[in-house]
Amino acid sequence: MEKQQLPNSTLILVFGIISIVLCWCYGIIGIPLAIVALVLAGKAKKTYLENPEQYSGYQNMKAGKILAIIGLILNILFLCYIVWIFSQIGWEVFGDPELMMERLEEMKANG
């Protein structure tokens, strides 16, 4: 009998890659994609371990899971950085570019 592709193994890999690429979108898009990839990877691994000789694509699933973990970490770090920036310069500066530049110059001067 011919092996069939592990369900969602390619999708897990794609979501893992996209979660890394989209980490610069404030974490809003990358975090959910990474979480979905990790959930799908858990289900796919369970399916594979029940009957490993029936499925191929386990390496894609493992690579996608690793990429999703990396993407999740990067997205969380970037989100924390954005929150830190907001706490340093304040929310009110995002409506006033001149005030934003002034606050950024103050941050540079204070080191």
PDB file of N, CA and C in Angstrom:
ATOM      1  N   MET A   1       0.833  -1.179   0.000  1.00  0.00           N
ATOM      2  CA  MET A   1       0.000   0.000   0.000  1.00  0.00           C
ATOM      3  C   MET A   1       0.883   1.251   0.000  1.00  0.00           C
ATOM      4  N   GLU A   2       0.492   2.212  -0.772  1.00  0.00           N
ATOM      5  CA  GLU A   2       1.261   3.456  -0.896  1.00  0.00           C
ATOM      6  C   GLU A   2       1.005   4.356   0.312  1.00  0.00           C
ATOM      7  N   LYS A   3       2.084   5.011   0.763  1.00  0.00           N
ATOM      8  CA  LYS A   3       1.957   5.930   1.898  1.00  0.00           C
ATOM      9  C   LYS A   3       1.199   7.168   1.467  1.00  0.00           C
ATOM     10  N   GLN A   4       0.374   7.652   2.362  1.00  0.00           N
ATOM     11  CA  GLN A   4      -0.331   8.901   2.083  1.00  0.00           C
ATOM     12  C   GLN A   4       0.325  10.033   2.865  1.00  0.00           C
ATOM     13  N   GLN A   5       0.117  11.233   2.369  1.00  0.00           N
ATOM     14  CA  GLN A   5       0.695  12.416   2.996  1.00  0.00           C
ATOM     15  C   GLN A   5       0.051  12.626   4.360  1.00  0.00           C
ATOM     16  N   LEU A   6       0.879  12.946   5.335  1.00  0.00           N
ATOM     17  CA  LEU A   6       0.390  13.252   6.677  1.00  0.00           C
ATOM     18  C   LEU A   6      -0.522  14.474   6.593  1.00  0.00           C
ATOM     19  N   PRO A   7      -1.728  14.403   7.174  1.00  0.00           N
ATOM     20  CA  PRO A   7      -2.657  15.528   7.070  1.00  0.00           C
ATOM     21  C   PRO A   7      -2.046  16.827   7.603  1.00  0.00           C
ATOM     22  N   ASN A   8      -2.152  17.866   6.825  1.00  0.00           N
ATOM     23  CA  ASN A   8      -1.729  19.228   7.177  1.00  0.00           C
ATOM     24  C   ASN A   8      -0.221  19.408   7.333  1.00  0.00           C
ATOM     25  N   SER A   9       0.603  18.460   6.925  1.00  0.00           N
ATOM     26  CA  SER A   9       2.048  18.621   7.126  1.00  0.00           C
ATOM     27  C   SER A   9       2.598  19.808   6.330  1.00  0.00           C
ATOM     28  N   THR A  10       2.132  19.982   5.110  1.00  0.00           N
ATOM     29  CA  THR A  10       2.586  21.114   4.309  1.00  0.00           C
ATOM     30  C   THR A  10       2.035  22.424   4.865  1.00  0.00           C
ATOM     31  N   LEU A  11       0.792  22.410   5.312  1.00  0.00           N
ATOM     32  CA  LEU A  11       0.177  23.605   5.900  1.00  0.00           C
ATOM     33  C   LEU A  11       0.919  24.029   7.167  1.00  0.00           C
ATOM     34  N   ILE A  12       1.330  23.069   7.970  1.00  0.00           N
ATOM     35  CA  ILE A  12       2.093  23.365   9.187  1.00  0.00           C
ATOM     36  C   ILE A  12       3.409  24.042   8.822  1.00  0.00           C
ATOM     37  N   LEU A  13       4.081  23.522   7.809  1.00  0.00           N
ATOM     38  CA  LEU A  13       5.336  24.107   7.362  1.00  0.00           C
ATOM     39  C   LEU A  13       5.132  25.534   6.851  1.00  0.00           C
ATOM     40  N   VAL A  14       4.095  25.738   6.063  1.00  0.00           N
ATOM     41  CA  VAL A  14       3.810  27.068   5.512  1.00  0.00           C
ATOM     42  C   VAL A  14       3.465  28.049   6.632  1.00  0.00           C
ATOM     43  N   PHE A  15       2.627  27.640   7.582  1.00  0.00           N
ATOM     44  CA  PHE A  15       2.271  28.513   8.699  1.00  0.00           C
ATOM     45  C   PHE A  15       3.494  28.841   9.549  1.00  0.00           C
ATOM     46  N   GLY A  16       4.386  27.875   9.733  1.00  0.00           N
ATOM     47  CA  GLY A  16       5.606  28.134  10.488  1.00  0.00           C
ATOM     48  C   GLY A  16       6.478  29.177   9.810  1.00  0.00           C
ATOM     49  N   ILE A  17       6.617  29.060   8.505  1.00  0.00           N
ATOM     50  CA  ILE A  17       7.416  30.029   7.746  1.00  0.00           C
ATOM     51  C   ILE A  17       6.771  31.407   7.787  1.00  0.00           C
ATOM     52  N   ILE A  18       5.460  31.457   7.557  1.00  0.00           N
ATOM     53  CA  ILE A  18       4.762  32.736   7.538  1.00  0.00           C
ATOM     54  C   ILE A  18       4.795  33.410   8.911  1.00  0.00           C
ATOM     55  N   SER A  19       4.739  32.619   9.980  1.00  0.00           N
ATOM     56  CA  SER A  19       4.775  33.228  11.315  1.00  0.00           C
ATOM     57  C   SER A  19       6.103  33.932  11.573  1.00  0.00           C
ATOM     58  N   ILE A  20       7.179  33.410  11.001  1.00  0.00           N
ATOM     59  CA  ILE A  20       8.477  34.080  11.138  1.00  0.00           C
ATOM     60  C   ILE A  20       8.516  35.346  10.282  1.00  0.00           C
ATOM     61  N   VAL A  21       8.043  35.232   9.056  1.00  0.00           N
ATOM     62  CA  VAL A  21       8.073  36.371   8.138  1.00  0.00           C
ATOM     63  C   VAL A  21       7.212  37.522   8.662  1.00  0.00           C
ATOM     64  N   LEU A  22       6.083  37.203   9.278  1.00  0.00           N
ATOM     65  CA  LEU A  22       5.155  38.239   9.731  1.00  0.00           C
ATOM     66  C   LEU A  22       5.388  38.689  11.164  1.00  0.00           C
ATOM     67  N   CYS A  23       6.525  38.360  11.729  1.00  0.00           N
ATOM     68  CA  CYS A  23       6.771  38.795  13.111  1.00  0.00           C
ATOM     69  C   CYS A  23       6.909  40.306  13.196  1.00  0.00           C
ATOM     70  N   TRP A  24       7.137  40.989  12.095  1.00  0.00           N
ATOM     71  CA  TRP A  24       7.267  42.442  12.106  1.00  0.00           C
ATOM     72  C   TRP A  24       5.921  43.134  12.035  1.00  0.00           C
ATOM     73  N   CYS A  25       4.833  42.379  12.022  1.00  0.00           N
ATOM     74  CA  CYS A  25       3.481  42.952  12.013  1.00  0.00           C
ATOM     75  C   CYS A  25       2.939  43.046  13.433  1.00  0.00           C
ATOM     76  N   TYR A  26       3.791  43.491  14.346  1.00  0.00           N
ATOM     77  CA  TYR A  26       3.429  43.713  15.747  1.00  0.00           C
ATOM     78  C   TYR A  26       2.984  42.444  16.463  1.00  0.00           C
ATOM     79  N   GLY A  27       3.225  41.263  15.891  1.00  0.00           N
ATOM     80  CA  GLY A  27       2.854  40.016  16.528  1.00  0.00           C
ATOM     81  C   GLY A  27       1.396  39.651  16.374  1.00  0.00           C
ATOM     82  N   ILE A  28       0.620  40.555  15.806  1.00  0.00           N
ATOM     83  CA  ILE A  28      -0.820  40.345  15.716  1.00  0.00           C
ATOM     84  C   ILE A  28      -1.170  39.209  14.757  1.00  0.00           C
ATOM     85  N   ILE A  29      -0.442  39.085  13.682  1.00  0.00           N
ATOM     86  CA  ILE A  29      -0.735  38.044  12.693  1.00  0.00           C
ATOM     87  C   ILE A  29       0.111  36.799  12.955  1.00  0.00           C
ATOM     88  N   GLY A  30       1.360  36.988  13.320  1.00  0.00           N
ATOM     89  CA  GLY A  30       2.279  35.865  13.481  1.00  0.00           C
ATOM     90  C   GLY A  30       1.966  34.956  14.650  1.00  0.00           C
ATOM     91  N   ILE A  31       1.522  35.514  15.775  1.00  0.00           N
ATOM     92  CA  ILE A  31       1.239  34.694  16.954  1.00  0.00           C
ATOM     93  C   ILE A  31       0.104  33.701  16.684  1.00  0.00           C
ATOM     94  N   PRO A  32      -1.041  34.138  16.141  1.00  0.00           N
ATOM     95  CA  PRO A  32      -2.095  33.151  15.861  1.00  0.00           C
ATOM     96  C   PRO A  32      -1.673  32.088  14.844  1.00  0.00           C
ATOM     97  N   LEU A  33      -0.913  32.488  13.830  1.00  0.00           N
ATOM     98  CA  LEU A  33      -0.457  31.494  12.851  1.00  0.00           C
ATOM     99  C   LEU A  33       0.464  30.462  13.493  1.00  0.00           C
ATOM    100  N   ALA A  34       1.361  30.912  14.357  1.00  0.00           N
ATOM    101  CA  ALA A  34       2.263  29.992  15.041  1.00  0.00           C
ATOM    102  C   ALA A  34       1.489  29.051  15.953  1.00  0.00           C
ATOM    103  N   ILE A  35       0.502  29.579  16.651  1.00  0.00           N
ATOM    104  CA  ILE A  35      -0.292  28.739  17.553  1.00  0.00           C
ATOM    105  C   ILE A  35      -1.089  27.704  16.764  1.00  0.00           C
ATOM    106  N   VAL A  36      -1.692  28.125  15.663  1.00  0.00           N
ATOM    107  CA  VAL A  36      -2.432  27.181  14.810  1.00  0.00           C
ATOM    108  C   VAL A  36      -1.491  26.095  14.288  1.00  0.00           C
ATOM    109  N   ALA A  37      -0.297  26.488  13.857  1.00  0.00           N
ATOM    110  CA  ALA A  37       0.673  25.504  13.359  1.00  0.00           C
ATOM    111  C   ALA A  37       1.056  24.519  14.458  1.00  0.00           C
ATOM    112  N   LEU A  38       1.236  24.996  15.677  1.00  0.00           N
ATOM    113  CA  LEU A  38       1.597  24.100  16.776  1.00  0.00           C
ATOM    114  C   LEU A  38       0.465  23.142  17.129  1.00  0.00           C
ATOM    115  N   VAL A  39      -0.763  23.625  17.099  1.00  0.00           N
ATOM    116  CA  VAL A  39      -1.916  22.757  17.379  1.00  0.00           C
ATOM    117  C   VAL A  39      -2.042  21.695  16.288  1.00  0.00           C
ATOM    118  N   LEU A  40      -1.945  22.124  15.032  1.00  0.00           N
ATOM    119  CA  LEU A  40      -2.021  21.170  13.918  1.00  0.00           C
ATOM    120  C   LEU A  40      -0.876  20.165  13.972  1.00  0.00           C
ATOM    121  N   ALA A  41       0.310  20.622  14.373  1.00  0.00           N
ATOM    122  CA  ALA A  41       1.461  19.720  14.481  1.00  0.00           C
ATOM    123  C   ALA A  41       1.226  18.674  15.557  1.00  0.00           C
ATOM    124  N   GLY A  42       0.620  19.074  16.661  1.00  0.00           N
ATOM    125  CA  GLY A  42       0.296  18.108  17.714  1.00  0.00           C
ATOM    126  C   GLY A  42      -0.663  17.042  17.233  1.00  0.00           C
ATOM    127  N   LYS A  43      -1.685  17.462  16.505  1.00  0.00           N
ATOM    128  CA  LYS A  43      -2.659  16.500  15.962  1.00  0.00           C
ATOM    129  C   LYS A  43      -2.014  15.599  14.915  1.00  0.00           C
ATOM    130  N   ALA A  44      -1.181  16.183  14.054  1.00  0.00           N
ATOM    131  CA  ALA A  44      -0.521  15.400  13.008  1.00  0.00           C
ATOM    132  C   ALA A  44       0.457  14.395  13.615  1.00  0.00           C
ATOM    133  N   LYS A  45       1.170  14.795  14.654  1.00  0.00           N
ATOM    134  CA  LYS A  45       2.111  13.879  15.299  1.00  0.00           C
ATOM    135  C   LYS A  45       1.364  12.707  15.931  1.00  0.00           C
ATOM    136  N   LYS A  46       0.241  13.000  16.561  1.00  0.00           N
ATOM    137  CA  LYS A  46      -0.568  11.947  17.167  1.00  0.00           C
ATOM    138  C   LYS A  46      -1.048  10.972  16.086  1.00  0.00           C
ATOM    139  N   THR A  47      -1.506  11.501  14.965  1.00  0.00           N
ATOM    140  CA  THR A  47      -1.960  10.664  13.850  1.00  0.00           C
ATOM    141  C   THR A  47      -0.818   9.805  13.320  1.00  0.00           C
ATOM    142  N   TYR A  48       0.356  10.418  13.181  1.00  0.00           N
ATOM    143  CA  TYR A  48       1.510   9.691  12.660  1.00  0.00           C
ATOM    144  C   TYR A  48       1.941   8.569  13.611  1.00  0.00           C
ATOM    145  N   LEU A  49       1.978   8.861  14.887  1.00  0.00           N
ATOM    146  CA  LEU A  49       2.447   7.871  15.859  1.00  0.00           C
ATOM    147  C   LEU A  49       1.491   6.695  16.008  1.00  0.00           C
ATOM    148  N   GLU A  50       0.226   6.883  15.680  1.00  0.00           N
ATOM    149  CA  GLU A  50      -0.739   5.785  15.716  1.00  0.00           C
ATOM    150  C   GLU A  50      -0.444   4.754  14.638  1.00  0.00           C
ATOM    151  N   ASN A  51       0.029   5.214  13.479  1.00  0.00           N
ATOM    152  CA  ASN A  51       0.281   4.310  12.361  1.00  0.00           C
ATOM    153  C   ASN A  51       1.384   4.893  11.469  1.00  0.00           C
ATOM    154  N   PRO A  52       2.659   4.851  11.912  1.00  0.00           N
ATOM    155  CA  PRO A  52       3.733   5.531  11.177  1.00  0.00           C
ATOM    156  C   PRO A  52       4.014   4.976   9.776  1.00  0.00           C
ATOM    157  N   GLU A  53       3.752   3.697   9.559  1.00  0.00           N
ATOM    158  CA  GLU A  53       4.056   3.130   8.241  1.00  0.00           C
ATOM    159  C   GLU A  53       3.049   3.560   7.178  1.00  0.00           C
ATOM    160  N   GLN A  54       1.967   4.176   7.584  1.00  0.00           N
ATOM    161  CA  GLN A  54       0.933   4.590   6.642  1.00  0.00           C
ATOM    162  C   GLN A  54       1.152   6.003   6.094  1.00  0.00           C
ATOM    163  N   TYR A  55       1.963   6.825   6.784  1.00  0.00           N
ATOM    164  CA  TYR A  55       2.074   8.237   6.429  1.00  0.00           C
ATOM    165  C   TYR A  55       3.489   8.642   6.047  1.00  0.00           C
ATOM    166  N   SER A  56       3.569   9.608   5.146  1.00  0.00           N
ATOM    167  CA  SER A  56       4.830  10.285   4.834  1.00  0.00           C
ATOM    168  C   SER A  56       4.631  11.771   5.144  1.00  0.00           C
ATOM    169  N   GLY A  57       5.706  12.544   5.167  1.00  0.00           N
ATOM    170  CA  GLY A  57       5.598  13.968   5.430  1.00  0.00           C
ATOM    171  C   GLY A  57       5.859  14.339   6.871  1.00  0.00           C
ATOM    172  N   TYR A  58       6.369  13.392   7.649  1.00  0.00           N
ATOM    173  CA  TYR A  58       6.653  13.665   9.055  1.00  0.00           C
ATOM    174  C   TYR A  58       7.742  14.724   9.200  1.00  0.00           C
ATOM    175  N   GLN A  59       8.716  14.741   8.287  1.00  0.00           N
ATOM    176  CA  GLN A  59       9.796  15.728   8.356  1.00  0.00           C
ATOM    177  C   GLN A  59       9.271  17.144   8.112  1.00  0.00           C
ATOM    178  N   ASN A  60       8.313  17.280   7.205  1.00  0.00           N
ATOM    179  CA  ASN A  60       7.691  18.591   6.987  1.00  0.00           C
ATOM    180  C   ASN A  60       6.991  19.068   8.252  1.00  0.00           C
ATOM    181  N   MET A  61       6.306  18.144   8.917  1.00  0.00           N
ATOM    182  CA  MET A  61       5.596  18.502  10.142  1.00  0.00           C
ATOM    183  C   MET A  61       6.578  18.925  11.222  1.00  0.00           C
ATOM    184  N   LYS A  62       7.678  18.189  11.378  1.00  0.00           N
ATOM    185  CA  LYS A  62       8.676  18.543  12.395  1.00  0.00           C
ATOM    186  C   LYS A  62       9.322  19.892  12.091  1.00  0.00           C
ATOM    187  N   ALA A  63       9.670  20.125  10.835  1.00  0.00           N
ATOM    188  CA  ALA A  63      10.277  21.401  10.451  1.00  0.00           C
ATOM    189  C   ALA A  63       9.294  22.549  10.678  1.00  0.00           C
ATOM    190  N   GLY A  64       8.039  22.351  10.308  1.00  0.00           N
ATOM    191  CA  GLY A  64       7.026  23.373  10.520  1.00  0.00           C
ATOM    192  C   GLY A  64       6.809  23.674  11.988  1.00  0.00           C
ATOM    193  N   LYS A  65       6.860  22.632  12.820  1.00  0.00           N
ATOM    194  CA  LYS A  65       6.697  22.833  14.263  1.00  0.00           C
ATOM    195  C   LYS A  65       7.856  23.652  14.831  1.00  0.00           C
ATOM    196  N   ILE A  66       9.067  23.342  14.407  1.00  0.00           N
ATOM    197  CA  ILE A  66      10.239  24.098  14.869  1.00  0.00           C
ATOM    198  C   ILE A  66      10.146  25.552  14.410  1.00  0.00           C
ATOM    199  N   LEU A  67       9.770  25.757  13.152  1.00  0.00           N
ATOM    200  CA  LEU A  67       9.621  27.124  12.640  1.00  0.00           C
ATOM    201  C   LEU A  67       8.506  27.873  13.367  1.00  0.00           C
ATOM    202  N   ALA A  68       7.430  27.176  13.715  1.00  0.00           N
ATOM    203  CA  ALA A  68       6.335  27.817  14.441  1.00  0.00           C
ATOM    204  C   ALA A  68       6.786  28.232  15.838  1.00  0.00           C
ATOM    205  N   ILE A  69       7.595  27.402  16.489  1.00  0.00           N
ATOM    206  CA  ILE A  69       8.120  27.756  17.812  1.00  0.00           C
ATOM    207  C   ILE A  69       9.012  28.989  17.700  1.00  0.00           C
ATOM    208  N   ILE A  70       9.887  29.003  16.704  1.00  0.00           N
ATOM    209  CA  ILE A  70      10.759  30.165  16.490  1.00  0.00           C
ATOM    210  C   ILE A  70       9.922  31.405  16.175  1.00  0.00           C
ATOM    211  N   GLY A  71       8.924  31.250  15.300  1.00  0.00           N
ATOM    212  CA  GLY A  71       8.045  32.365  14.957  1.00  0.00           C
ATOM    213  C   GLY A  71       7.280  32.882  16.157  1.00  0.00           C
ATOM    214  N   LEU A  72       6.812  31.976  17.021  1.00  0.00           N
ATOM    215  CA  LEU A  72       6.089  32.389  18.213  1.00  0.00           C
ATOM    216  C   LEU A  72       6.998  33.193  19.140  1.00  0.00           C
ATOM    217  N   ILE A  73       8.207  32.724  19.333  1.00  0.00           N
ATOM    218  CA  ILE A  73       9.159  33.433  20.192  1.00  0.00           C
ATOM    219  C   ILE A  73       9.477  34.814  19.620  1.00  0.00           C
ATOM    220  N   LEU A  74       9.766  34.885  18.323  1.00  0.00           N
ATOM    221  CA  LEU A  74      10.078  36.177  17.697  1.00  0.00           C
ATOM    222  C   LEU A  74       8.899  37.142  17.791  1.00  0.00           C
ATOM    223  N   ASN A  75       7.702  36.633  17.549  1.00  0.00           N
ATOM    224  CA  ASN A  75       6.515  37.486  17.613  1.00  0.00           C
ATOM    225  C   ASN A  75       6.283  38.005  19.023  1.00  0.00           C
ATOM    226  N   ILE A  76       6.453  37.160  20.015  1.00  0.00           N
ATOM    227  CA  ILE A  76       6.265  37.594  21.402  1.00  0.00           C
ATOM    228  C   ILE A  76       7.328  38.624  21.785  1.00  0.00           C
ATOM    229  N   LEU A  77       8.570  38.389  21.379  1.00  0.00           N
ATOM    230  CA  LEU A  77       9.624  39.361  21.673  1.00  0.00           C
ATOM    231  C   LEU A  77       9.345  40.713  21.010  1.00  0.00           C
ATOM    232  N   PHE A  78       8.909  40.681  19.757  1.00  0.00           N
ATOM    233  CA  PHE A  78       8.619  41.929  19.060  1.00  0.00           C
ATOM    234  C   PHE A  78       7.426  42.635  19.682  1.00  0.00           C
ATOM    235  N   LEU A  79       6.408  41.874  20.087  1.00  0.00           N
ATOM    236  CA  LEU A  79       5.252  42.462  20.747  1.00  0.00           C
ATOM    237  C   LEU A  79       5.659  43.109  22.070  1.00  0.00           C
ATOM    238  N   CYS A  80       6.520  42.446  22.820  1.00  0.00           N
ATOM    239  CA  CYS A  80       7.031  43.031  24.075  1.00  0.00           C
ATOM    240  C   CYS A  80       7.809  44.313  23.796  1.00  0.00           C
ATOM    241  N   TYR A  81       8.594  44.328  22.726  1.00  0.00           N
ATOM    242  CA  TYR A  81       9.342  45.525  22.348  1.00  0.00           C
ATOM    243  C   TYR A  81       8.390  46.678  22.023  1.00  0.00           C
ATOM    244  N   ILE A  82       7.328  46.391  21.285  1.00  0.00           N
ATOM    245  CA  ILE A  82       6.356  47.425  20.924  1.00  0.00           C
ATOM    246  C   ILE A  82       5.676  47.968  22.178  1.00  0.00           C
ATOM    247  N   VAL A  83       5.310  47.079  23.097  1.00  0.00           N
ATOM    248  CA  VAL A  83       4.694  47.525  24.349  1.00  0.00           C
ATOM    249  C   VAL A  83       5.675  48.399  25.128  1.00  0.00           C
ATOM    250  N   TRP A  84       6.939  48.026  25.148  1.00  0.00           N
ATOM    251  CA  TRP A  84       7.955  48.823  25.837  1.00  0.00           C
ATOM    252  C   TRP A  84       8.079  50.215  25.204  1.00  0.00           C
ATOM    253  N   ILE A  85       8.098  50.251  23.874  1.00  0.00           N
ATOM    254  CA  ILE A  85       8.172  51.535  23.167  1.00  0.00           C
ATOM    255  C   ILE A  85       6.968  52.409  23.532  1.00  0.00           C
ATOM    256  N   PHE A  86       5.766  51.816  23.504  1.00  0.00           N
ATOM    257  CA  PHE A  86       4.572  52.578  23.869  1.00  0.00           C
ATOM    258  C   PHE A  86       4.676  53.099  25.298  1.00  0.00           C
ATOM    259  N   SER A  87       5.212  52.305  26.194  1.00  0.00           N
ATOM    260  CA  SER A  87       5.317  52.747  27.588  1.00  0.00           C
ATOM    261  C   SER A  87       6.352  53.857  27.749  1.00  0.00           C
ATOM    262  N   GLN A  88       7.352  53.891  26.885  1.00  0.00           N
ATOM    263  CA  GLN A  88       8.390  54.912  26.979  1.00  0.00           C
ATOM    264  C   GLN A  88       7.986  56.247  26.366  1.00  0.00           C
ATOM    265  N   ILE A  89       7.325  56.200  25.225  1.00  0.00           N
ATOM    266  CA  ILE A  89       7.010  57.453  24.546  1.00  0.00           C
ATOM    267  C   ILE A  89       5.543  57.844  24.657  1.00  0.00           C
ATOM    268  N   GLY A  90       4.691  56.945  25.092  1.00  0.00           N
ATOM    269  CA  GLY A  90       3.283  57.261  25.317  1.00  0.00           C
ATOM    270  C   GLY A  90       2.423  57.082  24.082  1.00  0.00           C
ATOM    271  N   TRP A  91       1.128  56.911  24.329  1.00  0.00           N
ATOM    272  CA  TRP A  91       0.172  56.695  23.244  1.00  0.00           C
ATOM    273  C   TRP A  91      -0.132  57.981  22.471  1.00  0.00           C
ATOM    274  N   GLU A  92      -0.069  59.112  23.150  1.00  0.00           N
ATOM    275  CA  GLU A  92      -0.492  60.362  22.523  1.00  0.00           C
ATOM    276  C   GLU A  92       0.405  60.789  21.359  1.00  0.00           C
ATOM    277  N   VAL A  93       1.619  60.269  21.285  1.00  0.00           N
ATOM    278  CA  VAL A  93       2.536  60.698  20.229  1.00  0.00           C
ATOM    279  C   VAL A  93       2.175  60.133  18.859  1.00  0.00           C
ATOM    280  N   PHE A  94       1.354  59.115  18.805  1.00  0.00           N
ATOM    281  CA  PHE A  94       1.059  58.486  17.521  1.00  0.00           C
ATOM    282  C   PHE A  94       0.100  59.290  16.670  1.00  0.00           C
ATOM    283  N   GLY A  95      -0.496  60.307  17.239  1.00  0.00           N
ATOM    284  CA  GLY A  95      -1.317  61.223  16.451  1.00  0.00           C
ATOM    285  C   GLY A  95      -0.562  62.489  16.076  1.00  0.00           C
ATOM    286  N   ASP A  96       0.628  62.673  16.630  1.00  0.00           N
ATOM    287  CA  ASP A  96       1.390  63.900  16.422  1.00  0.00           C
ATOM    288  C   ASP A  96       2.843  63.550  16.076  1.00  0.00           C
ATOM    289  N   PRO A  97       3.203  63.565  14.786  1.00  0.00           N
ATOM    290  CA  PRO A  97       4.561  63.193  14.384  1.00  0.00           C
ATOM    291  C   PRO A  97       5.650  64.067  15.003  1.00  0.00           C
ATOM    292  N   GLU A  98       5.357  65.355  15.197  1.00  0.00           N
ATOM    293  CA  GLU A  98       6.369  66.239  15.794  1.00  0.00           C
ATOM    294  C   GLU A  98       6.650  65.859  17.239  1.00  0.00           C
ATOM    295  N   LEU A  99       5.601  65.531  17.977  1.00  0.00           N
ATOM    296  CA  LEU A  99       5.766  65.100  19.360  1.00  0.00           C
ATOM    297  C   LEU A  99       6.516  63.774  19.426  1.00  0.00           C
ATOM    298  N   MET A 100       6.252  62.903  18.461  1.00  0.00           N
ATOM    299  CA  MET A 100       6.955  61.616  18.422  1.00  0.00           C
ATOM    300  C   MET A 100       8.454  61.833  18.219  1.00  0.00           C
ATOM    301  N   MET A 101       8.812  62.699  17.290  1.00  0.00           N
ATOM    302  CA  MET A 101      10.226  62.973  17.044  1.00  0.00           C
ATOM    303  C   MET A 101      10.875  63.598  18.276  1.00  0.00           C
ATOM    304  N   GLU A 102      10.138  64.472  18.945  1.00  0.00           N
ATOM    305  CA  GLU A 102      10.659  65.108  20.152  1.00  0.00           C
ATOM    306  C   GLU A 102      10.925  64.067  21.247  1.00  0.00           C
ATOM    307  N   ARG A 103       9.990  63.155  21.445  1.00  0.00           N
ATOM    308  CA  ARG A 103      10.156  62.105  22.465  1.00  0.00           C
ATOM    309  C   ARG A 103      11.301  61.158  22.114  1.00  0.00           C
ATOM    310  N   LEU A 104      11.434  60.826  20.832  1.00  0.00           N
ATOM    311  CA  LEU A 104      12.527  59.942  20.411  1.00  0.00           C
ATOM    312  C   LEU A 104      13.868  60.618  20.615  1.00  0.00           C
ATOM    313  N   GLU A 105      13.946  61.924  20.351  1.00  0.00           N
ATOM    314  CA  GLU A 105      15.185  62.668  20.594  1.00  0.00           C
ATOM    315  C   GLU A 105      15.512  62.709  22.088  1.00  0.00           C
ATOM    316  N   GLU A 106      14.479  62.830  22.933  1.00  0.00           N
ATOM    317  CA  GLU A 106      14.701  62.804  24.375  1.00  0.00           C
ATOM    318  C   GLU A 106      15.250  61.447  24.811  1.00  0.00           C
ATOM    319  N   MET A 107      14.697  60.372  24.207  1.00  0.00           N
ATOM    320  CA  MET A 107      15.184  59.024  24.552  1.00  0.00           C
ATOM    321  C   MET A 107      16.644  58.857  24.156  1.00  0.00           C
ATOM    322  N   LYS A 108      17.020  59.391  22.996  1.00  0.00           N
ATOM    323  CA  LYS A 108      18.409  59.311  22.545  1.00  0.00           C
ATOM    324  C   LYS A 108      19.322  60.088  23.483  1.00  0.00           C
ATOM    325  N   ALA A 109      18.892  61.265  23.879  1.00  0.00           N
ATOM    326  CA  ALA A 109      19.710  62.113  24.734  1.00  0.00           C
ATOM    327  C   ALA A 109      19.900  61.503  26.131  1.00  0.00           C
ATOM    328  N   ASN A 110      18.889  60.815  26.625  1.00  0.00           N
ATOM    329  CA  ASN A 110      18.968  60.198  27.954  1.00  0.00           C
ATOM    330  C   ASN A 110      19.728  58.880  27.953  1.00  0.00           C
ATOM    331  N   GLY A 111      19.985  58.352  26.759  1.00  0.00           N
ATOM    332  CA  GLY A 111      20.803  57.161  26.625  1.00  0.00           C
ATOM    333  C   GLY A 111      20.033  55.937  26.783  1.00  0.00           C
TER     334      GLY A 111
END
